[in-house]
Structure formats: structure tokens, C-alpha cells
């Protein structure tokens, strides 16, 4: 049986729940780890490195600035991003695993 994936947008629901981060936080779906090395060896689950790349699934409403306005995000939903290896907090939402991190933990947008 195929695993059901949650929606790619913050407005979509997953398993009857809505996911909307607060402030300057971003929800990222991490890319899958490579199962095979360049030499053709298959890696067990415990030996795989967690990729530092993923797709932005949802963004918050921005950090509150000193003047009371909200900051604008550089990233948007659907952007492929490169982030710090140990950035964010892993969590499960429905059947899927995500990372919750601050926008400042994102290093680059991949085009």
C-alpha cells in the first residue's frame, strides 16, 4: 500500500489537520536519502546521511519587527532549498516527516 502524502501547501489539510508555522518559521520536507552509493553499494537505513536539501511546504506570517510590522520571507512554498545539516526540529505530521526551522537556517534557494 502506498504511503499517503500530505498536501504541499499550508492551506491543504493532512489527515484532517492543518499545518501553519508561526512567526519566521518554515516547514520543510527533507529530500530522501540516497539508497545507493556512486560505486553501486546499497546502504542500510542506519548508514544513510540525512540530506541538507528539501522543499518548503509551509511558511509562517513573518517575524515581528521593532516598528510592529512583519518581515517578508525570502523563500516561498514550493522552493527547493539548501539548509544547515542539523537545522530545525524533526517532527511527524500525519504519516510524513518534516523539519520545522527558522528562515535564517536556510542557506540557499536551488533553481
PDB file of N, CA and C in Angstrom:
ATOM      1  N   UNK A   1       0.843  -1.184   0.000  1.00  0.00           N
ATOM      2  CA  UNK A   1       0.000   0.000   0.000  1.00  0.00           C
ATOM      3  C   UNK A   1       0.884   1.242   0.000  1.00  0.00           C
ATOM      4  N   UNK A   2       0.620   2.181  -0.877  1.00  0.00           N
ATOM      5  CA  UNK A   2       1.426   3.394  -0.982  1.00  0.00           C
ATOM      6  C   UNK A   2       1.132   4.330   0.177  1.00  0.00           C
ATOM      7  N   UNK A   3       2.184   5.002   0.618  1.00  0.00           N
ATOM      8  CA  UNK A   3       2.045   5.935   1.731  1.00  0.00           C
ATOM      9  C   UNK A   3       1.401   7.222   1.233  1.00  0.00           C
ATOM     10  N   UNK A   4       0.347   7.695   1.902  1.00  0.00           N
ATOM     11  CA  UNK A   4      -0.336   8.920   1.504  1.00  0.00           C
ATOM     12  C   UNK A   4       0.511  10.126   1.890  1.00  0.00           C
ATOM     13  N   UNK A   5       0.702  11.011   0.946  1.00  0.00           N
ATOM     14  CA  UNK A   5       1.490  12.217   1.188  1.00  0.00           C
ATOM     15  C   UNK A   5       0.572  13.367   1.558  1.00  0.00           C
ATOM     16  N   UNK A   6       1.059  14.213   2.446  1.00  0.00           N
ATOM     17  CA  UNK A   6       0.302  15.408   2.821  1.00  0.00           C
ATOM     18  C   UNK A   6       0.386  16.415   1.682  1.00  0.00           C
ATOM     19  N   UNK A   7      -0.501  17.394   1.684  1.00  0.00           N
ATOM     20  CA  UNK A   7      -0.510  18.436   0.666  1.00  0.00           C
ATOM     21  C   UNK A   7       0.750  19.281   0.725  1.00  0.00           C
ATOM     22  N   UNK A   8       1.052  19.945  -0.359  1.00  0.00           N
ATOM     23  CA  UNK A   8       2.246  20.772  -0.450  1.00  0.00           C
ATOM     24  C   UNK A   8       2.014  22.196   0.040  1.00  0.00           C
ATOM     25  N   UNK A   9       0.786  22.590   0.305  1.00  0.00           N
ATOM     26  CA  UNK A   9       0.509  23.963   0.704  1.00  0.00           C
ATOM     27  C   UNK A   9      -0.013  24.021   2.132  1.00  0.00           C
ATOM     28  N   UNK A  10       0.191  25.153   2.776  1.00  0.00           N
ATOM     29  CA  UNK A  10      -0.238  25.325   4.159  1.00  0.00           C
ATOM     30  C   UNK A  10      -1.748  25.252   4.280  1.00  0.00           C
ATOM     31  N   UNK A  11      -2.452  25.628   3.231  1.00  0.00           N
ATOM     32  CA  UNK A  11      -3.910  25.639   3.297  1.00  0.00           C
ATOM     33  C   UNK A  11      -4.491  24.246   3.151  1.00  0.00           C
ATOM     34  N   UNK A  12      -3.704  23.292   2.619  1.00  0.00           N
ATOM     35  CA  UNK A  12      -4.208  21.930   2.496  1.00  0.00           C
ATOM     36  C   UNK A  12      -4.141  21.241   3.842  1.00  0.00           C
ATOM     37  N   UNK A  13      -4.979  20.234   3.991  1.00  0.00           N
ATOM     38  CA  UNK A  13      -5.030  19.515   5.248  1.00  0.00           C
ATOM     39  C   UNK A  13      -4.383  18.157   5.076  1.00  0.00           C
ATOM     40  N   UNK A  14      -3.853  17.640   6.157  1.00  0.00           N
ATOM     41  CA  UNK A  14      -3.268  16.312   6.180  1.00  0.00           C
ATOM     42  C   UNK A  14      -3.951  15.552   7.300  1.00  0.00           C
ATOM     43  N   UNK A  15      -4.601  14.479   6.946  1.00  0.00           N
ATOM     44  CA  UNK A  15      -5.238  13.634   7.952  1.00  0.00           C
ATOM     45  C   UNK A  15      -6.199  14.447   8.815  1.00  0.00           C
ATOM     46  N   UNK A  16      -6.872  15.431   8.223  1.00  0.00           N
ATOM     47  CA  UNK A  16      -7.848  16.236   8.942  1.00  0.00           C
ATOM     48  C   UNK A  16      -7.247  17.357   9.765  1.00  0.00           C
ATOM     49  N   UNK A  17      -5.928  17.592   9.660  1.00  0.00           N
ATOM     50  CA  UNK A  17      -5.272  18.654  10.430  1.00  0.00           C
ATOM     51  C   UNK A  17      -4.645  19.659   9.477  1.00  0.00           C
ATOM     52  N   UNK A  18      -4.543  20.913   9.904  1.00  0.00           N
ATOM     53  CA  UNK A  18      -3.926  21.974   9.109  1.00  0.00           C
ATOM     54  C   UNK A  18      -2.584  22.332   9.735  1.00  0.00           C
ATOM     55  N   UNK A  19      -1.579  22.581   8.906  1.00  0.00           N
ATOM     56  CA  UNK A  19      -0.229  22.874   9.371  1.00  0.00           C
ATOM     57  C   UNK A  19       0.146  24.301   8.979  1.00  0.00           C
ATOM     58  N   UNK A  20       0.306  25.190   9.961  1.00  0.00           N
ATOM     59  CA  UNK A  20       0.681  26.582   9.716  1.00  0.00           C
ATOM     60  C   UNK A  20       1.716  26.987  10.764  1.00  0.00           C
ATOM     61  N   UNK A  21       3.004  27.150  10.376  1.00  0.00           N
ATOM     62  CA  UNK A  21       4.018  27.566  11.346  1.00  0.00           C
ATOM     63  C   UNK A  21       3.808  29.021  11.780  1.00  0.00           C
ATOM     64  N   UNK A  22       4.374  29.380  12.910  1.00  0.00           N
ATOM     65  CA  UNK A  22       4.234  30.730  13.452  1.00  0.00           C
ATOM     66  C   UNK A  22       5.501  31.547  13.234  1.00  0.00           C
ATOM     67  N   UNK A  23       5.350  32.862  13.171  1.00  0.00           N
ATOM     68  CA  UNK A  23       6.488  33.778  13.083  1.00  0.00           C
ATOM     69  C   UNK A  23       7.327  33.546  11.847  1.00  0.00           C
ATOM     70  N   UNK A  24       8.664  33.507  12.044  1.00  0.00           N
ATOM     71  CA  UNK A  24       9.586  33.351  10.920  1.00  0.00           C
ATOM     72  C   UNK A  24       9.992  31.896  10.708  1.00  0.00           C
ATOM     73  N   UNK A  25       9.131  30.982  11.091  1.00  0.00           N
ATOM     74  CA  UNK A  25       9.432  29.558  10.938  1.00  0.00           C
ATOM     75  C   UNK A  25       8.931  29.038   9.595  1.00  0.00           C
ATOM     76  N   UNK A  26       9.627  27.990   9.131  1.00  0.00           N
ATOM     77  CA  UNK A  26       9.368  27.381   7.838  1.00  0.00           C
ATOM     78  C   UNK A  26       9.275  25.870   8.042  1.00  0.00           C
ATOM     79  N   UNK A  27       8.329  25.225   7.371  1.00  0.00           N
ATOM     80  CA  UNK A  27       8.231  23.769   7.384  1.00  0.00           C
ATOM     81  C   UNK A  27       8.816  23.260   6.076  1.00  0.00           C
ATOM     82  N   UNK A  28       9.757  22.305   6.176  1.00  0.00           N
ATOM     83  CA  UNK A  28      10.461  21.767   5.016  1.00  0.00           C
ATOM     84  C   UNK A  28      10.306  20.251   4.998  1.00  0.00           C
ATOM     85  N   UNK A  29      10.040  19.707   3.812  1.00  0.00           N
ATOM     86  CA  UNK A  29      10.055  18.254   3.632  1.00  0.00           C
ATOM     87  C   UNK A  29      11.446  17.907   3.113  1.00  0.00           C
ATOM     88  N   UNK A  30      12.202  17.175   3.915  1.00  0.00           N
ATOM     89  CA  UNK A  30      13.573  16.813   3.563  1.00  0.00           C
ATOM     90  C   UNK A  30      13.576  15.832   2.394  1.00  0.00           C
ATOM     91  N   UNK A  31      14.547  15.973   1.469  1.00  0.00           N
ATOM     92  CA  UNK A  31      14.704  15.018   0.369  1.00  0.00           C
ATOM     93  C   UNK A  31      15.040  13.647   0.933  1.00  0.00           C
ATOM     94  N   UNK A  32      14.721  12.620   0.170  1.00  0.00           N
ATOM     95  CA  UNK A  32      15.028  11.246   0.575  1.00  0.00           C
ATOM     96  C   UNK A  32      16.540  11.019   0.511  1.00  0.00           C
ATOM     97  N   UNK A  33      17.052  10.229   1.451  1.00  0.00           N
ATOM     98  CA  UNK A  33      18.476   9.879   1.468  1.00  0.00           C
ATOM     99  C   UNK A  33      18.764   8.897   0.339  1.00  0.00           C
ATOM    100  N   UNK A  34      19.965   8.990  -0.201  1.00  0.00           N
ATOM    101  CA  UNK A  34      20.368   8.086  -1.277  1.00  0.00           C
ATOM    102  C   UNK A  34      20.465   6.660  -0.733  1.00  0.00           C
ATOM    103  N   UNK A  35      19.891   5.710  -1.449  1.00  0.00           N
ATOM    104  CA  UNK A  35      19.906   4.319  -1.019  1.00  0.00           C
ATOM    105  C   UNK A  35      21.108   3.567  -1.592  1.00  0.00           C
ATOM    106  N   UNK A  36      21.779   4.177  -2.569  1.00  0.00           N
ATOM    107  CA  UNK A  36      22.882   3.504  -3.234  1.00  0.00           C
ATOM    108  C   UNK A  36      24.041   4.487  -3.392  1.00  0.00           C
ATOM    109  N   UNK A  37      25.261   4.027  -3.180  1.00  0.00           N
ATOM    110  CA  UNK A  37      26.443   4.868  -3.345  1.00  0.00           C
ATOM    111  C   UNK A  37      26.779   4.992  -4.824  1.00  0.00           C
ATOM    112  N   UNK A  38      27.724   5.890  -5.136  1.00  0.00           N
ATOM    113  CA  UNK A  38      28.155   6.065  -6.522  1.00  0.00           C
ATOM    114  C   UNK A  38      28.789   4.781  -7.061  1.00  0.00           C
ATOM    115  N   UNK A  39      29.382   3.982  -6.181  1.00  0.00           N
ATOM    116  CA  UNK A  39      30.006   2.717  -6.584  1.00  0.00           C
ATOM    117  C   UNK A  39      29.022   1.571  -6.718  1.00  0.00           C
ATOM    118  N   UNK A  40      27.756   1.808  -6.397  1.00  0.00           N
ATOM    119  CA  UNK A  40      26.744   0.785  -6.574  1.00  0.00           C
ATOM    120  C   UNK A  40      26.371   0.015  -5.321  1.00  0.00           C
ATOM    121  N   UNK A  41      26.964   0.347  -4.175  1.00  0.00           N
ATOM    122  CA  UNK A  41      26.631  -0.343  -2.931  1.00  0.00           C
ATOM    123  C   UNK A  41      25.320   0.184  -2.366  1.00  0.00           C
ATOM    124  N   UNK A  42      24.493  -0.719  -1.872  1.00  0.00           N
ATOM    125  CA  UNK A  42      23.238  -0.322  -1.230  1.00  0.00           C
ATOM    126  C   UNK A  42      23.487  -0.079   0.245  1.00  0.00           C
ATOM    127  N   UNK A  43      22.954   1.038   0.753  1.00  0.00           N
ATOM    128  CA  UNK A  43      23.170   1.420   2.143  1.00  0.00           C
ATOM    129  C   UNK A  43      21.976   1.025   3.011  1.00  0.00           C
ATOM    130  N   UNK A  44      22.257   0.512   4.211  1.00  0.00           N
ATOM    131  CA  UNK A  44      21.144   0.276   5.139  1.00  0.00           C
ATOM    132  C   UNK A  44      20.623   1.601   5.663  1.00  0.00           C
ATOM    133  N   UNK A  45      19.425   1.607   6.198  1.00  0.00           N
ATOM    134  CA  UNK A  45      18.781   2.834   6.676  1.00  0.00           C
ATOM    135  C   UNK A  45      19.648   3.573   7.693  1.00  0.00           C
ATOM    136  N   UNK A  46      20.358   2.848   8.553  1.00  0.00           N
ATOM    137  CA  UNK A  46      21.159   3.480   9.611  1.00  0.00           C
ATOM    138  C   UNK A  46      22.425   4.141   9.080  1.00  0.00           C
ATOM    139  N   UNK A  47      22.879   3.771   7.897  1.00  0.00           N
ATOM    140  CA  UNK A  47      24.110   4.328   7.343  1.00  0.00           C
ATOM    141  C   UNK A  47      23.873   5.518   6.421  1.00  0.00           C
ATOM    142  N   UNK A  48      22.632   5.812   6.125  1.00  0.00           N
ATOM    143  CA  UNK A  48      22.332   6.910   5.200  1.00  0.00           C
ATOM    144  C   UNK A  48      22.498   8.257   5.889  1.00  0.00           C
ATOM    145  N   UNK A  49      23.124   9.200   5.173  1.00  0.00           N
ATOM    146  CA  UNK A  49      23.221  10.575   5.657  1.00  0.00           C
ATOM    147  C   UNK A  49      21.915  11.291   5.341  1.00  0.00           C
ATOM    148  N   UNK A  50      21.471  12.127   6.270  1.00  0.00           N
ATOM    149  CA  UNK A  50      20.268  12.904   6.015  1.00  0.00           C
ATOM    150  C   UNK A  50      20.634  14.069   5.101  1.00  0.00           C
ATOM    151  N   UNK A  51      19.951  14.202   3.967  1.00  0.00           N
ATOM    152  CA  UNK A  51      20.267  15.296   3.058  1.00  0.00           C
ATOM    153  C   UNK A  51      19.952  16.657   3.681  1.00  0.00           C
ATOM    154  N   UNK A  52      20.719  17.660   3.302  1.00  0.00           N
ATOM    155  CA  UNK A  52      20.506  19.029   3.769  1.00  0.00           C
ATOM    156  C   UNK A  52      19.775  19.828   2.695  1.00  0.00           C
ATOM    157  N   UNK A  53      18.887  19.137   1.968  1.00  0.00           N
ATOM    158  CA  UNK A  53      18.078  19.763   0.916  1.00  0.00           C
ATOM    159  C   UNK A  53      16.630  19.349   1.114  1.00  0.00           C
ATOM    160  N   UNK A  54      15.740  20.184   0.638  1.00  0.00           N
ATOM    161  CA  UNK A  54      14.329  19.841   0.734  1.00  0.00           C
ATOM    162  C   UNK A  54      13.457  20.863   0.041  1.00  0.00           C
ATOM    163  N   UNK A  55      12.152  20.716   0.243  1.00  0.00           N
ATOM    164  CA  UNK A  55      11.152  21.587  -0.371  1.00  0.00           C
ATOM    165  C   UNK A  55      10.374  22.292   0.736  1.00  0.00           C
ATOM    166  N   UNK A  56      10.205  23.604   0.584  1.00  0.00           N
ATOM    167  CA  UNK A  56       9.425  24.381   1.551  1.00  0.00           C
ATOM    168  C   UNK A  56       7.955  24.018   1.365  1.00  0.00           C
ATOM    169  N   UNK A  57       7.322  23.548   2.437  1.00  0.00           N
ATOM    170  CA  UNK A  57       5.927  23.129   2.401  1.00  0.00           C
ATOM    171  C   UNK A  57       5.019  24.242   2.895  1.00  0.00           C
ATOM    172  N   UNK A  58       5.479  24.974   3.915  1.00  0.00           N
ATOM    173  CA  UNK A  58       4.642  25.997   4.522  1.00  0.00           C
ATOM    174  C   UNK A  58       5.530  27.047   5.187  1.00  0.00           C
ATOM    175  N   UNK A  59       5.070  28.304   5.186  1.00  0.00           N
ATOM    176  CA  UNK A  59       5.811  29.373   5.861  1.00  0.00           C
ATOM    177  C   UNK A  59       4.880  30.079   6.837  1.00  0.00           C
ATOM    178  N   UNK A  60       5.489  30.696   7.850  1.00  0.00           N
ATOM    179  CA  UNK A  60       4.722  31.448   8.834  1.00  0.00           C
ATOM    180  C   UNK A  60       4.298  32.798   8.287  1.00  0.00           C
ATOM    181  N   UNK A  61       3.910  33.684   9.192  1.00  0.00           N
ATOM    182  CA  UNK A  61       3.466  35.011   8.752  1.00  0.00           C
ATOM    183  C   UNK A  61       4.534  36.078   8.918  1.00  0.00           C
ATOM    184  N   UNK A  62       5.753  35.701   9.293  1.00  0.00           N
ATOM    185  CA  UNK A  62       6.872  36.640   9.397  1.00  0.00           C
ATOM    186  C   UNK A  62       7.164  37.066  10.821  1.00  0.00           C
ATOM    187  N   UNK A  63       8.412  37.428  11.044  1.00  0.00           N
ATOM    188  CA  UNK A  63       8.860  37.896  12.353  1.00  0.00           C
ATOM    189  C   UNK A  63       8.353  39.318  12.568  1.00  0.00           C
ATOM    190  N   UNK A  64       7.971  39.638  13.807  1.00  0.00           N
ATOM    191  CA  UNK A  64       7.507  40.990  14.123  1.00  0.00           C
ATOM    192  C   UNK A  64       8.737  41.883  14.310  1.00  0.00           C
ATOM    193  N   UNK A  65       8.804  42.958  13.530  1.00  0.00           N
ATOM    194  CA  UNK A  65       9.916  43.903  13.605  1.00  0.00           C
ATOM    195  C   UNK A  65       9.674  44.914  14.732  1.00  0.00           C
ATOM    196  N   UNK A  66      10.695  45.722  15.027  1.00  0.00           N
ATOM    197  CA  UNK A  66      10.588  46.711  16.106  1.00  0.00           C
ATOM    198  C   UNK A  66       9.483  47.732  15.857  1.00  0.00           C
ATOM    199  N   UNK A  67       9.213  48.035  14.592  1.00  0.00           N
ATOM    200  CA  UNK A  67       8.166  49.019  14.276  1.00  0.00           C
ATOM    201  C   UNK A  67       6.762  48.390  14.251  1.00  0.00           C
ATOM    202  N   UNK A  68       6.662  47.099  14.579  1.00  0.00           N
ATOM    203  CA  UNK A  68       5.375  46.426  14.648  1.00  0.00           C
ATOM    204  C   UNK A  68       4.940  45.741  13.371  1.00  0.00           C
ATOM    205  N   UNK A  69       5.661  45.976  12.270  1.00  0.00           N
ATOM    206  CA  UNK A  69       5.329  45.319  11.008  1.00  0.00           C
ATOM    207  C   UNK A  69       5.933  43.924  10.971  1.00  0.00           C
ATOM    208  N   UNK A  70       5.488  43.121  10.029  1.00  0.00           N
ATOM    209  CA  UNK A  70       6.015  41.767   9.855  1.00  0.00           C
ATOM    210  C   UNK A  70       7.055  41.753   8.746  1.00  0.00           C
ATOM    211  N   UNK A  71       8.132  41.001   8.948  1.00  0.00           N
ATOM    212  CA  UNK A  71       9.172  40.879   7.925  1.00  0.00           C
ATOM    213  C   UNK A  71       8.657  40.020   6.771  1.00  0.00           C
ATOM    214  N   UNK A  72       9.196  40.227   5.590  1.00  0.00           N
ATOM    215  CA  UNK A  72       8.829  39.458   4.411  1.00  0.00           C
ATOM    216  C   UNK A  72       9.757  38.254   4.287  1.00  0.00           C
ATOM    217  N   UNK A  73       9.231  37.127   3.840  1.00  0.00           N
ATOM    218  CA  UNK A  73      10.039  35.931   3.631  1.00  0.00           C
ATOM    219  C   UNK A  73      10.775  36.007   2.304  1.00  0.00           C
ATOM    220  N   UNK A  74      11.987  35.451   2.281  1.00  0.00           N
ATOM    221  CA  UNK A  74      12.756  35.336   1.051  1.00  0.00           C
ATOM    222  C   UNK A  74      12.317  34.093   0.292  1.00  0.00           C
ATOM    223  N   UNK A  75      11.960  33.032   1.019  1.00  0.00           N
ATOM    224  CA  UNK A  75      11.512  31.786   0.402  1.00  0.00           C
ATOM    225  C   UNK A  75       9.996  31.769   0.312  1.00  0.00           C
ATOM    226  N   UNK A  76       9.493  30.910  -0.564  1.00  0.00           N
ATOM    227  CA  UNK A  76       8.043  30.736  -0.683  1.00  0.00           C
ATOM    228  C   UNK A  76       7.752  29.243  -0.765  1.00  0.00           C
ATOM    229  N   UNK A  77       6.501  28.891  -0.596  1.00  0.00           N
ATOM    230  CA  UNK A  77       6.102  27.492  -0.665  1.00  0.00           C
ATOM    231  C   UNK A  77       6.468  26.918  -2.024  1.00  0.00           C
ATOM    232  N   UNK A  78       7.034  25.720  -2.012  1.00  0.00           N
ATOM    233  CA  UNK A  78       7.428  25.058  -3.248  1.00  0.00           C
ATOM    234  C   UNK A  78       8.886  25.258  -3.615  1.00  0.00           C
ATOM    235  N   UNK A  79       9.595  26.199  -2.968  1.00  0.00           N
ATOM    236  CA  UNK A  79      11.018  26.420  -3.260  1.00  0.00           C
ATOM    237  C   UNK A  79      11.845  25.232  -2.793  1.00  0.00           C
ATOM    238  N   UNK A  80      12.818  24.827  -3.628  1.00  0.00           N
ATOM    239  CA  UNK A  80      13.805  23.817  -3.208  1.00  0.00           C
ATOM    240  C   UNK A  80      14.918  24.581  -2.519  1.00  0.00           C
ATOM    241  N   UNK A  81      15.300  24.151  -1.321  1.00  0.00           N
ATOM    242  CA  UNK A  81      16.263  24.904  -0.524  1.00  0.00           C
ATOM    243  C   UNK A  81      17.386  24.008  -0.006  1.00  0.00           C
ATOM    244  N   UNK A  82      18.486  24.665   0.338  1.00  0.00           N
ATOM    245  CA  UNK A  82      19.644  24.045   0.978  1.00  0.00           C
ATOM    246  C   UNK A  82      19.711  24.648   2.369  1.00  0.00           C
ATOM    247  N   UNK A  83      19.832  23.805   3.399  1.00  0.00           N
ATOM    248  CA  UNK A  83      19.832  24.305   4.768  1.00  0.00           C
ATOM    249  C   UNK A  83      20.949  23.665   5.570  1.00  0.00           C
ATOM    250  N   UNK A  84      21.184  24.166   6.768  1.00  0.00           N
ATOM    251  CA  UNK A  84      22.204  23.630   7.654  1.00  0.00           C
ATOM    252  C   UNK A  84      21.907  22.171   7.977  1.00  0.00           C
ATOM    253  N   UNK A  85      22.932  21.341   8.063  1.00  0.00           N
ATOM    254  CA  UNK A  85      22.751  19.905   8.274  1.00  0.00           C
ATOM    255  C   UNK A  85      21.939  19.567   9.514  1.00  0.00           C
ATOM    256  N   UNK A  86      22.183  20.274  10.591  1.00  0.00           N
ATOM    257  CA  UNK A  86      21.494  19.963  11.847  1.00  0.00           C
ATOM    258  C   UNK A  86      20.453  21.016  12.192  1.00  0.00           C
ATOM    259  N   UNK A  87      19.955  21.696  11.187  1.00  0.00           N
ATOM    260  CA  UNK A  87      18.967  22.759  11.403  1.00  0.00           C
ATOM    261  C   UNK A  87      17.595  22.156  11.663  1.00  0.00           C
ATOM    262  N   UNK A  88      16.837  22.870  12.429  1.00  0.00           N
ATOM    263  CA  UNK A  88      15.439  22.529  12.600  1.00  0.00           C
ATOM    264  C   UNK A  88      15.166  21.383  13.548  1.00  0.00           C
ATOM    265  N   UNK A  89      13.899  21.162  13.715  1.00  0.00           N
ATOM    266  CA  UNK A  89      13.398  20.130  14.607  1.00  0.00           C
ATOM    267  C   UNK A  89      12.585  19.148  13.772  1.00  0.00           C
ATOM    268  N   UNK A  90      12.961  17.869  13.810  1.00  0.00           N
ATOM    269  CA  UNK A  90      12.205  16.845  13.096  1.00  0.00           C
ATOM    270  C   UNK A  90      10.879  16.606  13.797  1.00  0.00           C
ATOM    271  N   UNK A  91       9.816  16.448  13.011  1.00  0.00           N
ATOM    272  CA  UNK A  91       8.531  16.080  13.596  1.00  0.00           C
ATOM    273  C   UNK A  91       7.719  15.330  12.562  1.00  0.00           C
ATOM    274  N   UNK A  92       6.757  14.586  13.047  1.00  0.00           N
ATOM    275  CA  UNK A  92       5.861  13.820  12.196  1.00  0.00           C
ATOM    276  C   UNK A  92       4.512  14.501  12.169  1.00  0.00           C
ATOM    277  N   UNK A  93       3.926  14.615  10.987  1.00  0.00           N
ATOM    278  CA  UNK A  93       2.603  15.209  10.816  1.00  0.00           C
ATOM    279  C   UNK A  93       1.819  14.255   9.935  1.00  0.00           C
ATOM    280  N   UNK A  94       0.854  13.597  10.498  1.00  0.00           N
ATOM    281  CA  UNK A  94       0.182  12.535   9.768  1.00  0.00           C
ATOM    282  C   UNK A  94       1.156  11.385   9.603  1.00  0.00           C
ATOM    283  N   UNK A  95       1.354  10.953   8.383  1.00  0.00           N
ATOM    284  CA  UNK A  95       2.280   9.853   8.094  1.00  0.00           C
ATOM    285  C   UNK A  95       3.654  10.355   7.642  1.00  0.00           C
ATOM    286  N   UNK A  96       3.805  11.650   7.408  1.00  0.00           N
ATOM    287  CA  UNK A  96       5.030  12.211   6.841  1.00  0.00           C
ATOM    288  C   UNK A  96       5.901  12.856   7.898  1.00  0.00           C
ATOM    289  N   UNK A  97       7.198  12.942   7.587  1.00  0.00           N
ATOM    290  CA  UNK A  97       8.149  13.608   8.476  1.00  0.00           C
ATOM    291  C   UNK A  97       8.585  14.921   7.849  1.00  0.00           C
ATOM    292  N   UNK A  98       8.688  15.949   8.693  1.00  0.00           N
ATOM    293  CA  UNK A  98       9.057  17.289   8.256  1.00  0.00           C
ATOM    294  C   UNK A  98      10.109  17.865   9.185  1.00  0.00           C
ATOM    295  N   UNK A  99      10.649  19.020   8.787  1.00  0.00           N
ATOM    296  CA  UNK A  99      11.543  19.817   9.628  1.00  0.00           C
ATOM    297  C   UNK A  99      10.886  21.166   9.862  1.00  0.00           C
ATOM    298  N   UNK A 100      10.957  21.639  11.083  1.00  0.00           N
ATOM    299  CA  UNK A 100      10.494  22.985  11.419  1.00  0.00           C
ATOM    300  C   UNK A 100      11.729  23.784  11.764  1.00  0.00           C
ATOM    301  N   UNK A 101      11.996  24.850  11.012  1.00  0.00           N
ATOM    302  CA  UNK A 101      13.210  25.643  11.225  1.00  0.00           C
ATOM    303  C   UNK A 101      12.907  27.116  11.011  1.00  0.00           C
ATOM    304  N   UNK A 102      13.830  27.949  11.430  1.00  0.00           N
ATOM    305  CA  UNK A 102      13.728  29.384  11.165  1.00  0.00           C
ATOM    306  C   UNK A 102      14.229  29.645   9.751  1.00  0.00           C
ATOM    307  N   UNK A 103      13.720  30.697   9.146  1.00  0.00           N
ATOM    308  CA  UNK A 103      14.155  31.031   7.791  1.00  0.00           C
ATOM    309  C   UNK A 103      15.661  31.283   7.739  1.00  0.00           C
ATOM    310  N   UNK A 104      16.242  31.775   8.821  1.00  0.00           N
ATOM    311  CA  UNK A 104      17.677  32.063   8.850  1.00  0.00           C
ATOM    312  C   UNK A 104      18.531  30.793   8.766  1.00  0.00           C
ATOM    313  N   UNK A 105      17.956  29.610   9.014  1.00  0.00           N
ATOM    314  CA  UNK A 105      18.689  28.347   8.886  1.00  0.00           C
ATOM    315  C   UNK A 105      18.810  27.901   7.439  1.00  0.00           C
ATOM    316  N   UNK A 106      18.057  28.548   6.540  1.00  0.00           N
ATOM    317  CA  UNK A 106      18.118  28.213   5.116  1.00  0.00           C
ATOM    318  C   UNK A 106      19.274  28.975   4.495  1.00  0.00           C
ATOM    319  N   UNK A 107      20.150  28.250   3.799  1.00  0.00           N
ATOM    320  CA  UNK A 107      21.354  28.843   3.226  1.00  0.00           C
ATOM    321  C   UNK A 107      21.165  29.337   1.795  1.00  0.00           C
ATOM    322  N   UNK A 108      20.344  28.629   1.002  1.00  0.00           N
ATOM    323  CA  UNK A 108      20.208  28.985  -0.413  1.00  0.00           C
ATOM    324  C   UNK A 108      18.926  28.418  -0.979  1.00  0.00           C
ATOM    325  N   UNK A 109      18.456  29.036  -2.068  1.00  0.00           N
ATOM    326  CA  UNK A 109      17.342  28.517  -2.848  1.00  0.00           C
ATOM    327  C   UNK A 109      17.951  27.868  -4.078  1.00  0.00           C
ATOM    328  N   UNK A 110      17.549  26.629  -4.353  1.00  0.00           N
ATOM    329  CA  UNK A 110      18.087  25.884  -5.501  1.00  0.00           C
ATOM    330  C   UNK A 110      17.163  26.099  -6.687  1.00  0.00           C
ATOM    331  N   UNK A 111      17.745  26.587  -7.808  1.00  0.00           N
ATOM    332  CA  UNK A 111      16.940  26.825  -9.032  1.00  0.00           C
ATOM    333  C   UNK A 111      17.057  25.658  -9.965  1.00  0.00           C
TER     334      UNK A 111
END
